[in-house]
C-alpha atoms as a PDB file:
ATOM      1  CA  MET A   1      94.269  89.506  69.829  1.00  0.00           C
ATOM      2  CA  SER A   2      91.130  87.602  70.762  1.00  0.00           C
ATOM      3  CA  THR A   3      92.289  87.093  74.355  1.00  0.00           C
ATOM      4  CA  LEU A   4      94.366  89.040  76.848  1.00  0.00           C
ATOM      5  CA  HIS A   5      95.208  86.194  79.193  1.00  0.00           C
ATOM      6  CA  LEU A   6      97.060  82.920  79.265  1.00  0.00           C
ATOM      7  CA  PRO A   7      95.145  79.937  80.660  1.00  0.00           C
ATOM      8  CA  ALA A   8      96.101  78.415  83.983  1.00  0.00           C
ATOM      9  CA  PRO A   9      97.812  75.042  83.553  1.00  0.00           C
ATOM     10  CA  HIS A  10      96.110  71.765  84.329  1.00  0.00           C
ATOM     11  CA  ILE A  11      98.386  69.978  86.803  1.00  0.00           C
ATOM     12  CA  VAL A  12      97.869  66.371  87.880  1.00  0.00           C
ATOM     13  CA  ASP A  13      97.664  66.070  91.665  1.00  0.00           C
ATOM     14  CA  PRO A  14     100.514  63.720  92.681  1.00  0.00           C
ATOM     15  CA  ALA A  15      98.241  62.189  95.344  1.00  0.00           C
ATOM     16  CA  SER A  16      95.641  61.264  92.713  1.00  0.00           C
ATOM     17  CA  VAL A  17      97.786  58.634  90.945  1.00  0.00           C
ATOM     18  CA  PRO A  18      99.050  55.233  92.091  1.00  0.00           C
ATOM     19  CA  ALA A  19     102.235  55.299  94.171  1.00  0.00           C
ATOM     20  CA  LEU A  20     104.433  53.094  91.995  1.00  0.00           C
ATOM     21  CA  ARG A  21     107.652  51.469  93.164  1.00  0.00           C
ATOM     22  CA  TRP A  22     110.618  52.483  91.026  1.00  0.00           C
ATOM     23  CA  GLY A  23     113.976  50.920  90.309  1.00  0.00           C
ATOM     24  CA  ILE A  24     116.865  52.891  88.829  1.00  0.00           C
ATOM     25  CA  ILE A  25     119.488  51.538  86.451  1.00  0.00           C
ATOM     26  CA  GLY A  26     122.506  53.832  86.381  1.00  0.00           C
ATOM     27  CA  PRO A  27     122.734  56.018  89.529  1.00  0.00           C
ATOM     28  CA  GLY A  28     124.554  59.003  88.003  1.00  0.00           C
ATOM     29  CA  GLY A  29     123.904  62.723  88.314  1.00  0.00           C
ATOM     30  CA  ILE A  30     120.559  62.862  86.518  1.00  0.00           C
ATOM     31  CA  ALA A  31     119.317  59.862  88.524  1.00  0.00           C
ATOM     32  CA  GLN A  32     120.203  61.626  91.764  1.00  0.00           C
ATOM     33  CA  THR A  33     118.230  64.712  90.742  1.00  0.00           C
ATOM     34  CA  PHE A  34     115.307  62.559  89.578  1.00  0.00           C
ATOM     35  CA  ALA A  35     115.168  60.518  92.776  1.00  0.00           C
ATOM     36  CA  ASP A  36     115.376  63.562  95.033  1.00  0.00           C
ATOM     37  CA  SER A  37     112.709  65.422  93.050  1.00  0.00           C
ATOM     38  CA  VAL A  38     110.373  62.416  93.000  1.00  0.00           C
ATOM     39  CA  HIS A  39     110.687  61.897  96.749  1.00  0.00           C
ATOM     40  CA  LYS A  40     110.174  65.607  97.447  1.00  0.00           C
ATOM     41  CA  HIS A  41     107.318  66.408  95.075  1.00  0.00           C
ATOM     42  CA  SER A  42     105.399  63.193  94.352  1.00  0.00           C
ATOM     43  CA  THR A  43     103.998  60.047  95.903  1.00  0.00           C
ATOM     44  CA  GLN A  44     106.250  57.861  93.741  1.00  0.00           C
ATOM     45  CA  ARG A  45     109.012  56.013  95.585  1.00  0.00           C
ATOM     46  CA  ILE A  46     112.421  54.688  94.592  1.00  0.00           C
ATOM     47  CA  VAL A  47     112.801  51.242  96.149  1.00  0.00           C
ATOM     48  CA  ALA A  48     115.801  49.814  94.267  1.00  0.00           C
ATOM     49  CA  VAL A  49     118.915  50.972  92.452  1.00  0.00           C
ATOM     50  CA  ALA A  50     121.512  49.030  90.494  1.00  0.00           C
ATOM     51  CA  SER A  51     125.038  49.863  89.394  1.00  0.00           C
ATOM     52  CA  GLN A  52     127.810  47.693  88.028  1.00  0.00           C
ATOM     53  CA  THR A  53     130.393  49.915  89.751  1.00  0.00           C
ATOM     54  CA  PRO A  54     131.184  48.459  93.201  1.00  0.00           C
ATOM     55  CA  GLY A  55     129.775  50.573  96.017  1.00  0.00           C
ATOM     56  CA  LYS A  56     127.978  53.069  93.768  1.00  0.00           C
ATOM     57  CA  ALA A  57     124.470  51.695  94.322  1.00  0.00           C
ATOM     58  CA  GLU A  58     124.991  51.651  98.088  1.00  0.00           C
ATOM     59  CA  ALA A  59     126.279  55.229  98.090  1.00  0.00           C
ATOM     60  CA  PHE A  60     123.212  56.309  96.122  1.00  0.00           C
ATOM     61  CA  ALA A  61     120.720  54.320  98.196  1.00  0.00           C
ATOM     62  CA  ARG A  62     121.911  55.071 101.719  1.00  0.00           C
ATOM     63  CA  PRO A  63     121.091  58.807 102.016  1.00  0.00           C
ATOM     64  CA  ARG A  64     117.776  58.296 100.213  1.00  0.00           C
ATOM     65  CA  GLN A  65     116.682  55.326 102.324  1.00  0.00           C
ATOM     66  CA  ILE A  66     116.340  53.130  99.242  1.00  0.00           C
ATOM     67  CA  GLU A  67     115.911  49.565 100.388  1.00  0.00           C
ATOM     68  CA  HIS A  68     117.616  47.564  97.638  1.00  0.00           C
ATOM     69  CA  ALA A  69     121.133  48.409  96.388  1.00  0.00           C
ATOM     70  CA  LEU A  70     122.054  45.934  93.677  1.00  0.00           C
ATOM     71  CA  THR A  71     124.974  45.180  91.359  1.00  0.00           C
ATOM     72  CA  SER A  72     122.927  43.332  88.730  1.00  0.00           C
ATOM     73  CA  TYR A  73     120.575  45.043  86.275  1.00  0.00           C
ATOM     74  CA  ARG A  74     118.823  41.739  85.700  1.00  0.00           C
ATOM     75  CA  GLU A  75     118.214  41.376  89.425  1.00  0.00           C
ATOM     76  CA  LEU A  76     116.707  44.849  89.523  1.00  0.00           C
ATOM     77  CA  VAL A  77     114.296  44.363  86.605  1.00  0.00           C
ATOM     78  CA  ASP A  78     113.227  40.966  87.970  1.00  0.00           C
ATOM     79  CA  HIS A  79     112.751  42.247  91.518  1.00  0.00           C
ATOM     80  CA  PRO A  80     109.154  41.701  92.714  1.00  0.00           C
ATOM     81  CA  ASP A  81     109.122  45.052  94.535  1.00  0.00           C
ATOM     82  CA  VAL A  82     109.771  47.034  91.324  1.00  0.00           C
ATOM     83  CA  ASP A  83     106.850  48.251  89.184  1.00  0.00           C
ATOM     84  CA  VAL A  84     108.705  50.585  86.826  1.00  0.00           C
ATOM     85  CA  VAL A  85     112.342  50.997  85.807  1.00  0.00           C
ATOM     86  CA  TYR A  86     114.078  54.317  85.167  1.00  0.00           C
ATOM     87  CA  VAL A  87     116.955  53.867  82.705  1.00  0.00           C
ATOM     88  CA  ALA A  88     119.538  56.551  83.457  1.00  0.00           C
ATOM     89  CA  THR A  89     122.624  55.057  81.856  1.00  0.00           C
ATOM     90  CA  THR A  90     124.460  56.804  79.009  1.00  0.00           C
ATOM     91  CA  HIS A  91     122.890  57.032  75.556  1.00  0.00           C
ATOM     92  CA  GLU A  92     124.559  54.014  73.983  1.00  0.00           C
ATOM     93  CA  PHE A  93     122.975  51.690  76.561  1.00  0.00           C
ATOM     94  CA  HIS A  94     119.400  53.019  76.454  1.00  0.00           C
ATOM     95  CA  ARG A  95     118.025  50.429  74.050  1.00  0.00           C
ATOM     96  CA  GLU A  96     119.716  47.491  75.800  1.00  0.00           C
ATOM     97  CA  HIS A  97     118.620  48.464  79.280  1.00  0.00           C
ATOM     98  CA  ALA A  98     115.117  49.529  78.264  1.00  0.00           C
ATOM     99  CA  GLU A  99     114.515  46.221  76.522  1.00  0.00           C
ATOM    100  CA  LEU A 100     115.918  44.379  79.537  1.00  0.00           C
ATOM    101  CA  ALA A 101     113.245  45.992  81.697  1.00  0.00           C
ATOM    102  CA  ILE A 102     110.545  45.382  79.094  1.00  0.00           C
ATOM    103  CA  SER A 103     111.524  41.703  78.886  1.00  0.00           C
ATOM    104  CA  ALA A 104     110.803  41.464  82.614  1.00  0.00           C
ATOM    105  CA  GLY A 105     107.342  42.929  82.083  1.00  0.00           C
ATOM    106  CA  LYS A 106     108.187  46.254  83.722  1.00  0.00           C
ATOM    107  CA  HIS A 107     107.100  49.718  82.653  1.00  0.00           C
ATOM    108  CA  VAL A 108     110.096  51.849  81.742  1.00  0.00           C
ATOM    109  CA  LEU A 109     111.104  55.519  81.688  1.00  0.00           C
ATOM    110  CA  ILE A 110     114.136  56.001  79.428  1.00  0.00           C
ATOM    111  CA  GLU A 111     116.426  58.986  79.645  1.00  0.00           C
ATOM    112  CA  LYS A 112     116.552  61.093  76.521  1.00  0.00           C
ATOM    113  CA  PRO A 113     117.443  60.613  73.831  1.00  0.00           C
ATOM    114  CA  LEU A 114     115.445  57.405  73.639  1.00  0.00           C
ATOM    115  CA  ALA A 115     118.345  55.787  71.768  1.00  0.00           C
ATOM    116  CA  LEU A 116     121.336  56.691  69.603  1.00  0.00           C
ATOM    117  CA  ASN A 117     119.450  56.292  66.331  1.00  0.00           C
ATOM    118  CA  ALA A 118     115.976  55.794  64.944  1.00  0.00           C
ATOM    119  CA  GLU A 119     116.455  52.056  64.396  1.00  0.00           C
ATOM    120  CA  ASP A 120     117.236  51.432  68.067  1.00  0.00           C
ATOM    121  CA  ALA A 121     114.489  53.817  69.196  1.00  0.00           C
ATOM    122  CA  GLU A 122     111.939  52.041  67.003  1.00  0.00           C
ATOM    123  CA  SER A 123     113.042  48.718  68.472  1.00  0.00           C
ATOM    124  CA  VAL A 124     112.259  49.992  71.977  1.00  0.00           C
ATOM    125  CA  ARG A 125     108.865  51.255  70.814  1.00  0.00           C
ATOM    126  CA  ALA A 126     107.947  48.002  69.077  1.00  0.00           C
ATOM    127  CA  THR A 127     109.235  45.795  71.907  1.00  0.00           C
ATOM    128  CA  ALA A 128     107.215  47.676  74.505  1.00  0.00           C
ATOM    129  CA  ALA A 129     104.092  47.624  72.336  1.00  0.00           C
ATOM    130  CA  ALA A 130     104.400  43.862  71.852  1.00  0.00           C
ATOM    131  CA  ALA A 131     104.873  43.342  75.595  1.00  0.00           C
ATOM    132  CA  GLY A 132     101.940  45.578  76.502  1.00  0.00           C
ATOM    133  CA  VAL A 133     103.936  47.730  78.910  1.00  0.00           C
ATOM    134  CA  LEU A 134     104.340  51.500  79.027  1.00  0.00           C
ATOM    135  CA  ALA A 135     107.630  52.783  77.652  1.00  0.00           C
ATOM    136  CA  MET A 136     108.190  56.535  77.878  1.00  0.00           C
ATOM    137  CA  GLU A 137     111.048  58.807  76.917  1.00  0.00           C
ATOM    138  CA  ALA A 138     112.087  61.045  79.817  1.00  0.00           C
ATOM    139  CA  MET A 139     111.319  64.232  77.881  1.00  0.00           C
ATOM    140  CA  TRP A 140     110.296  65.885  81.137  1.00  0.00           C
ATOM    141  CA  THR A 141     109.583  69.258  79.519  1.00  0.00           C
ATOM    142  CA  ARG A 142     106.390  67.829  77.998  1.00  0.00           C
ATOM    143  CA  TYR A 143     104.937  67.346  81.495  1.00  0.00           C
ATOM    144  CA  LEU A 144     105.715  70.784  82.959  1.00  0.00           C
ATOM    145  CA  PRO A 145     102.872  73.233  83.665  1.00  0.00           C
ATOM    146  CA  GLN A 146     104.057  75.593  80.911  1.00  0.00           C
ATOM    147  CA  SER A 147     103.770  72.840  78.307  1.00  0.00           C
ATOM    148  CA  ASP A 148     100.102  72.364  79.167  1.00  0.00           C
ATOM    149  CA  ILE A 149      99.592  76.086  78.592  1.00  0.00           C
ATOM    150  CA  ILE A 150     101.442  75.933  75.277  1.00  0.00           C
ATOM    151  CA  ARG A 151      99.307  73.021  74.081  1.00  0.00           C
ATOM    152  CA  ARG A 152      96.120  74.887  74.998  1.00  0.00           C
ATOM    153  CA  VAL A 153      97.274  78.115  73.342  1.00  0.00           C
ATOM    154  CA  LEU A 154      97.971  76.159  70.159  1.00  0.00           C
ATOM    155  CA  ALA A 155      94.693  74.218  70.326  1.00  0.00           C
ATOM    156  CA  ASP A 156      92.744  77.452  70.781  1.00  0.00           C
ATOM    157  CA  GLY A 157      94.386  78.989  67.719  1.00  0.00           C
ATOM    158  CA  MET A 158      95.474  81.965  69.813  1.00  0.00           C
ATOM    159  CA  LEU A 159      98.592  82.505  67.691  1.00  0.00           C
ATOM    160  CA  GLY A 160      96.896  81.966  64.340  1.00  0.00           C
ATOM    161  CA  ASP A 161      98.782  79.874  61.785  1.00  0.00           C
ATOM    162  CA  ILE A 162     102.200  78.938  63.132  1.00  0.00           C
ATOM    163  CA  GLU A 163     104.980  80.142  60.864  1.00  0.00           C
ATOM    164  CA  LEU A 164     108.244  79.842  62.785  1.00  0.00           C
ATOM    165  CA  VAL A 165     109.572  78.109  65.923  1.00  0.00           C
ATOM    166  CA  LEU A 166     112.934  79.269  67.274  1.00  0.00           C
ATOM    167  CA  THR A 167     114.971  77.480  69.941  1.00  0.00           C
ATOM    168  CA  ASP A 168     118.511  77.782  71.211  1.00  0.00           C
ATOM    169  CA  PHE A 169     120.412  75.780  73.785  1.00  0.00           C
ATOM    170  CA  GLY A 170     124.034  76.393  74.659  1.00  0.00           C
ATOM    171  CA  GLN A 171     126.379  75.520  77.511  1.00  0.00           C
ATOM    172  CA  ASP A 172     130.145  75.170  77.657  1.00  0.00           C
ATOM    173  CA  LEU A 173     130.377  71.451  78.328  1.00  0.00           C
ATOM    174  CA  ARG A 174     133.569  70.573  76.482  1.00  0.00           C
ATOM    175  CA  MET A 175     135.226  69.473  79.729  1.00  0.00           C
ATOM    176  CA  ILE A 176     132.773  66.571  80.175  1.00  0.00           C
ATOM    177  CA  PRO A 177     134.393  63.497  78.562  1.00  0.00           C
ATOM    178  CA  ARG A 178     131.211  61.667  77.564  1.00  0.00           C
ATOM    179  CA  LEU A 179     129.944  64.693  75.603  1.00  0.00           C
ATOM    180  CA  VAL A 180     132.970  64.739  73.314  1.00  0.00           C
ATOM    181  CA  ASN A 181     133.281  60.957  73.081  1.00  0.00           C
ATOM    182  CA  PRO A 182     132.428  59.757  69.540  1.00  0.00           C
ATOM    183  CA  VAL A 183     130.742  56.662  70.985  1.00  0.00           C
ATOM    184  CA  SER A 184     127.642  58.669  71.922  1.00  0.00           C
ATOM    185  CA  GLY A 185     128.609  62.326  72.297  1.00  0.00           C
ATOM    186  CA  GLY A 186     127.838  65.621  70.636  1.00  0.00           C
ATOM    187  CA  ALA A 187     125.630  68.608  71.326  1.00  0.00           C
ATOM    188  CA  LEU A 188     122.645  67.463  69.284  1.00  0.00           C
ATOM    189  CA  LEU A 189     122.039  64.185  71.105  1.00  0.00           C
ATOM    190  CA  ASP A 190     122.576  65.608  74.577  1.00  0.00           C
ATOM    191  CA  LEU A 191     121.208  69.157  74.289  1.00  0.00           C
ATOM    192  CA  GLY A 192     119.536  69.394  70.903  1.00  0.00           C
ATOM    193  CA  ILE A 193     116.992  66.705  71.699  1.00  0.00           C
ATOM    194  CA  TYR A 194     115.211  69.413  73.725  1.00  0.00           C
ATOM    195  CA  ASN A 195     115.132  71.756  70.727  1.00  0.00           C
ATOM    196  CA  PHE A 196     113.837  69.127  68.336  1.00  0.00           C
ATOM    197  CA  ALA A 197     111.236  67.927  70.849  1.00  0.00           C
ATOM    198  CA  PHE A 198     110.004  71.494  71.347  1.00  0.00           C
ATOM    199  CA  SER A 199     109.575  71.934  67.599  1.00  0.00           C
ATOM    200  CA  SER A 200     107.684  68.644  67.257  1.00  0.00           C
ATOM    201  CA  LEU A 201     105.441  69.650  70.174  1.00  0.00           C
ATOM    202  CA  VAL A 202     104.379  72.697  68.173  1.00  0.00           C
ATOM    203  CA  LEU A 203     104.533  71.492  64.568  1.00  0.00           C
ATOM    204  CA  GLY A 204     104.614  67.685  64.593  1.00  0.00           C
ATOM    205  CA  ASP A 205     107.017  65.740  62.391  1.00  0.00           C
ATOM    206  CA  ALA A 206     109.236  67.719  60.030  1.00  0.00           C
ATOM    207  CA  GLN A 207     109.540  66.832  56.359  1.00  0.00           C
ATOM    208  CA  LYS A 208     113.194  67.823  56.062  1.00  0.00           C
ATOM    209  CA  VAL A 209     116.147  69.092  58.062  1.00  0.00           C
ATOM    210  CA  SER A 210     119.107  71.088  56.746  1.00  0.00           C
ATOM    211  CA  ALA A 211     122.047  71.701  59.089  1.00  0.00           C
ATOM    212  CA  VAL A 212     125.352  73.540  59.158  1.00  0.00           C
ATOM    213  CA  GLY A 213     127.869  73.413  61.952  1.00  0.00           C
ATOM    214  CA  THR A 214     131.279  72.732  63.398  1.00  0.00           C
ATOM    215  CA  LEU A 215     132.916  69.758  65.091  1.00  0.00           C
ATOM    216  CA  THR A 216     135.026  69.238  68.195  1.00  0.00           C
ATOM    217  CA  GLU A 217     138.553  67.896  67.939  1.00  0.00           C
ATOM    218  CA  THR A 218     137.108  64.432  68.627  1.00  0.00           C
ATOM    219  CA  GLY A 219     134.742  64.677  65.650  1.00  0.00           C
ATOM    220  CA  VAL A 220     131.401  65.085  67.421  1.00  0.00           C
ATOM    221  CA  ASP A 221     129.094  68.006  66.652  1.00  0.00           C
ATOM    222  CA  ASP A 222     130.007  71.122  68.609  1.00  0.00           C
ATOM    223  CA  THR A 223     127.760  73.872  67.242  1.00  0.00           C
ATOM    224  CA  THR A 224     124.893  73.434  64.773  1.00  0.00           C
ATOM    225  CA  SER A 225     122.079  75.427  63.249  1.00  0.00           C
ATOM    226  CA  SER A 226     119.289  73.218  61.910  1.00  0.00           C
ATOM    227  CA  LEU A 227     116.406  74.376  59.713  1.00  0.00           C
ATOM    228  CA  MET A 228     113.345  72.105  59.732  1.00  0.00           C
ATOM    229  CA  THR A 229     110.540  72.479  57.218  1.00  0.00           C
ATOM    230  CA  TYR A 230     106.975  71.184  57.480  1.00  0.00           C
ATOM    231  CA  GLU A 231     104.195  70.183  55.129  1.00  0.00           C
ATOM    232  CA  ASN A 232     102.121  73.259  56.001  1.00  0.00           C
ATOM    233  CA  GLY A 233     104.986  75.603  55.116  1.00  0.00           C
ATOM    234  CA  ALA A 234     106.041  76.315  58.700  1.00  0.00           C
ATOM    235  CA  LYS A 235     109.705  76.303  59.709  1.00  0.00           C
ATOM    236  CA  ALA A 236     111.726  75.660  62.849  1.00  0.00           C
ATOM    237  CA  ILE A 237     115.286  76.733  63.584  1.00  0.00           C
ATOM    238  CA  ALA A 238     117.299  75.004  66.310  1.00  0.00           C
ATOM    239  CA  ASN A 239     120.651  76.438  67.402  1.00  0.00           C
ATOM    240  CA  VAL A 240     122.665  74.118  69.640  1.00  0.00           C
ATOM    241  CA  THR A 241     126.189  74.364  71.050  1.00  0.00           C
ATOM    242  CA  LEU A 242     128.277  72.726  73.744  1.00  0.00           C
ATOM    243  CA  SER A 243     130.982  75.423  73.627  1.00  0.00           C
ATOM    244  CA  SER A 244     129.077  78.608  74.614  1.00  0.00           C
ATOM    245  CA  PHE A 245     126.444  79.687  77.112  1.00  0.00           C
ATOM    246  CA  THR A 246     123.360  81.052  75.342  1.00  0.00           C
ATOM    247  CA  PRO A 247     119.957  82.362  76.516  1.00  0.00           C
ATOM    248  CA  THR A 248     118.413  78.914  75.914  1.00  0.00           C
ATOM    249  CA  ALA A 249     115.033  80.410  75.095  1.00  0.00           C
ATOM    250  CA  ALA A 250     112.259  79.493  72.656  1.00  0.00           C
ATOM    251  CA  SER A 251     109.507  81.232  70.758  1.00  0.00           C
ATOM    252  CA  ILE A 252     106.495  80.333  68.630  1.00  0.00           C
ATOM    253  CA  ALA A 253     105.537  82.879  65.965  1.00  0.00           C
ATOM    254  CA  GLY A 254     102.131  82.832  64.292  1.00  0.00           C
ATOM    255  CA  THR A 255     100.084  85.073  62.062  1.00  0.00           C
ATOM    256  CA  ALA A 256      98.135  86.395  65.071  1.00  0.00           C
ATOM    257  CA  GLY A 257     100.719  86.453  67.834  1.00  0.00           C
ATOM    258  CA  LEU A 258     104.016  85.418  69.369  1.00  0.00           C
ATOM    259  CA  LEU A 259     104.555  83.226  72.435  1.00  0.00           C
ATOM    260  CA  ARG A 260     107.959  83.527  74.107  1.00  0.00           C
ATOM    261  CA  VAL A 261     109.279  80.939  76.545  1.00  0.00           C
ATOM    262  CA  ASP A 262     111.862  82.247  78.994  1.00  0.00           C
ATOM    263  CA  GLY A 263     115.170  80.474  79.295  1.00  0.00           C
ATOM    264  CA  PRO A 264     115.940  77.801  80.094  1.00  0.00           C
ATOM    265  CA  PHE A 265     112.917  76.856  77.980  1.00  0.00           C
ATOM    266  CA  PHE A 266     113.026  73.188  78.989  1.00  0.00           C
ATOM    267  CA  THR A 267     112.732  73.832  82.758  1.00  0.00           C
ATOM    268  CA  PRO A 268     109.878  75.429  84.762  1.00  0.00           C
ATOM    269  CA  THR A 269     109.919  79.041  83.614  1.00  0.00           C
ATOM    270  CA  GLY A 270     107.650  81.802  82.264  1.00  0.00           C
ATOM    271  CA  LEU A 271     105.678  82.743  79.148  1.00  0.00           C
ATOM    272  CA  GLN A 272     104.863  86.020  77.421  1.00  0.00           C
ATOM    273  CA  LEU A 273     102.156  86.500  74.811  1.00  0.00           C
ATOM    274  CA  TYR A 274     102.667  89.260  72.240  1.00  0.00           C
ATOM    275  CA  PRO A 275     100.614  90.548  69.335  1.00  0.00           C
ATOM    276  CA  ALA A 276     102.086  89.890  65.889  1.00  0.00           C
ATOM    277  CA  GLU A 277     103.498  93.418  65.709  1.00  0.00           C
ATOM    278  CA  PHE A 278     107.123  94.487  65.917  1.00  0.00           C
ATOM    279  CA  ASN A 279     108.229  96.139  69.168  1.00  0.00           C
ATOM    280  CA  SER A 280     104.867  95.650  70.897  1.00  0.00           C
ATOM    281  CA  PRO A 281     104.693  94.947  74.655  1.00  0.00           C
ATOM    282  CA  PRO A 282     103.288  91.625  75.877  1.00  0.00           C
ATOM    283  CA  VAL A 283      99.536  91.453  76.312  1.00  0.00           C
ATOM    284  CA  ALA A 284      99.720  88.600  78.827  1.00  0.00           C
ATOM    285  CA  THR A 285     102.347  86.858  80.933  1.00  0.00           C
ATOM    286  CA  TRP A 286     102.544  83.750  83.073  1.00  0.00           C
ATOM    287  CA  GLN A 287     105.227  82.757  85.560  1.00  0.00           C
ATOM    288  CA  ASP A 288     105.638  79.339  87.110  1.00  0.00           C
ATOM    289  CA  ALA A 289     104.934  79.926  90.795  1.00  0.00           C
ATOM    290  CA  SER A 290     104.764  76.281  91.864  1.00  0.00           C
ATOM    291  CA  GLY A 291     108.023  76.427  93.802  1.00  0.00           C
ATOM    292  CA  ILE A 292     109.256  73.450  91.771  1.00  0.00           C
ATOM    293  CA  ALA A 293     112.272  75.001  90.098  1.00  0.00           C
ATOM    294  CA  ALA A 294     114.950  73.955  87.627  1.00  0.00           C
ATOM    295  CA  HIS A 295     115.532  70.192  87.427  1.00  0.00           C
ATOM    296  CA  GLU A 296     113.214  69.501  90.343  1.00  0.00           C
ATOM    297  CA  GLY A 297     110.651  69.563  87.520  1.00  0.00           C
ATOM    298  CA  LEU A 298     111.690  65.994  86.745  1.00  0.00           C
ATOM    299  CA  CYS A 299     109.024  64.924  89.239  1.00  0.00           C
ATOM    300  CA  TYR A 300     106.200  65.817  86.832  1.00  0.00           C
ATOM    301  CA  GLN A 301     107.085  63.046  84.395  1.00  0.00           C
ATOM    302  CA  ALA A 302     106.985  60.444  87.182  1.00  0.00           C
ATOM    303  CA  THR A 303     103.483  61.516  88.201  1.00  0.00           C
ATOM    304  CA  ALA A 304     102.433  61.514  84.538  1.00  0.00           C
ATOM    305  CA  LEU A 305     103.776  57.996  84.012  1.00  0.00           C
ATOM    306  CA  ALA A 306     101.844  56.736  87.030  1.00  0.00           C
ATOM    307  CA  SER A 307      98.662  58.317  85.668  1.00  0.00           C
ATOM    308  CA  PHE A 308      99.211  56.631  82.295  1.00  0.00           C
ATOM    309  CA  VAL A 309      99.754  53.271  83.998  1.00  0.00           C
ATOM    310  CA  GLU A 310      96.500  53.762  85.899  1.00  0.00           C
ATOM    311  CA  GLN A 311      94.765  54.426  82.559  1.00  0.00           C
ATOM    312  CA  LYS A 312      96.381  51.251  81.140  1.00  0.00           C
ATOM    313  CA  LEU A 313      98.131  53.236  78.396  1.00  0.00           C
ATOM    314  CA  THR A 314     101.184  51.791  76.662  1.00  0.00           C
ATOM    315  CA  ASP A 315     102.363  55.085  75.158  1.00  0.00           C
ATOM    316  CA  SER A 316     102.482  58.652  76.418  1.00  0.00           C
ATOM    317  CA  PRO A 317      99.819  60.817  74.750  1.00  0.00           C
ATOM    318  CA  LEU A 318     102.025  63.847  75.446  1.00  0.00           C
ATOM    319  CA  ARG A 319     105.214  62.443  73.915  1.00  0.00           C
ATOM    320  CA  PRO A 320     104.402  59.376  71.779  1.00  0.00           C
ATOM    321  CA  LEU A 321     107.391  57.151  71.113  1.00  0.00           C
ATOM    322  CA  ALA A 322     106.813  57.419  67.369  1.00  0.00           C
ATOM    323  CA  GLN A 323     107.488  61.144  67.671  1.00  0.00           C
ATOM    324  CA  ALA A 324     110.652  60.494  69.661  1.00  0.00           C
ATOM    325  CA  VAL A 325     111.794  58.109  66.922  1.00  0.00           C
ATOM    326  CA  ALA A 326     111.144  60.776  64.273  1.00  0.00           C
ATOM    327  CA  ASP A 327     113.072  63.420  66.225  1.00  0.00           C
ATOM    328  CA  ILE A 328     116.072  61.122  66.627  1.00  0.00           C
ATOM    329  CA  GLU A 329     116.061  60.438  62.891  1.00  0.00           C
ATOM    330  CA  LEU A 330     116.152  64.211  62.227  1.00  0.00           C
ATOM    331  CA  ILE A 331     119.035  64.605  64.679  1.00  0.00           C
ATOM    332  CA  THR A 332     120.938  61.809  62.935  1.00  0.00           C
ATOM    333  CA  GLN A 333     120.454  63.523  59.584  1.00  0.00           C
ATOM    334  CA  ALA A 334     121.597  66.863  61.039  1.00  0.00           C
ATOM    335  CA  ARG A 335     124.682  65.249  62.601  1.00  0.00           C
ATOM    336  CA  HIS A 336     125.665  63.594  59.350  1.00  0.00           C
ATOM    337  CA  GLN A 337     125.146  66.775  57.355  1.00  0.00           C
ATOM    338  CA  VAL A 338     127.770  68.553  59.488  1.00  0.00           C
ATOM    339  CA  GLY A 339     130.106  65.544  59.327  1.00  0.00           C
ATOM    340  CA  ALA A 340     129.526  64.160  62.828  1.00  0.00           C
ATOM    341  CA  TYR A 341     129.444  60.358  62.792  1.00  0.00           C
ATOM    342  CA  LEU A 342     129.407  58.201  65.898  1.00  0.00           C
ATOM    343  CA  THR A 343     131.686  55.203  66.291  1.00  0.00           C
ATOM    344  CA  GLY A 344     130.459  52.449  63.972  1.00  0.00           C
ATOM    345  CA  GLU A 345     128.257  54.675  61.807  1.00  0.00           C
ATOM    346  CA  ARG A 346     128.902  54.520  58.081  1.00  0.00           C
ATOM    347  CA  ARG A 347     129.968  57.684  56.290  1.00  0.00           C
END
C-alpha cells in the first residue's frame, strides 16, 4: 500500500464556534444523553425543554439547570432565548415538529431518521431551504473523529476503487413497544438508518436496493439483509435486526485495501487498515483516544451545527438533507420488499 499510516482526524474545537442556545422538544432517553453530552463536552447550552406530558419537562430541566421547562412546543420554538431546536420526539412526529421550529425561524436538529418517508423528509428539506435556516439530521456518526479519517482515506484513494461496503447492526429490542409498533417501528428505521447512512457516506446514492427479511408478530421488519448497487458497479450489504445482538461492525473493501471499523461502528471506536490480501495483518490502526465514548459522541454534531450556523450554511456539508431523503427512500423500498408496511401505507 502507498501509505502505512492513518491520518489524524481534524476535530473542531468546541470553543471556536458560537455558543448557541438550544431548546429540546421531546425530553426522552436520547434527549437526556444529548443534553448531558453537550453540557459536558461543548460550549453549547440547553436553555429550554418542552413536553406535553405533565411534569416531564420539569423533571428533565431541574437536574440540568435548564431555565425554561415548558408544556407547549409552540412556546418553545417562539421563545426569544432559543436559537436552535433539537427535535427528539418519535419518528412519526419529526416532520411536524421540525417544520414547527422552521416556521418560527429557528435552526433545527432532527433526530434520525429525518422522517418516516422520503416525501415527509423532502418537505422538511424544502421548508428549511425556503426559510433560510439550517436543518440537519442528527446522524451524529458523520461528525465523529473516525468519520473524518474515513473521508480522508477515501479522498486520498488509499483503498483504490471501492467494491463492497459491509455493515451490520443488531440488538434484541423486541421488548420496546415503539420499535414493534406499526405506526413507526421496525429495525430499518430505528437501527438500519445507520447502515444506510454509512453506505451513502462511502458510495453516495444507490441506484437500487434488494431486500429479504422477516417480520415481527406486529408486522414491522425484524431482520433484513439489503443489497444496494451503485452506478460504478460497487455494492453495499446492510444486515439489520432487532432480535439478536451482533458485532455491529463495518468495513470498506477496495481494490488496494480494506478499512475495518470496530463495533459499534456508529459510535467513537477504532479503525484498522489492511492490504487487499486475504489473512494479512493490518498495516495501520487508529483508536479513538478522546475520552468521549459511546453516546457521549452526540456532542460532536452540536458543535458542527454551531460551526455551520457561523458559516451561514443552510445544509450540512457532511450529511446533506438530500442524501438523508435518498436513504429514507431506500429504507422504504427495503421495508416494502420484505412486507413491512407502516400504518396508513398502501400495499
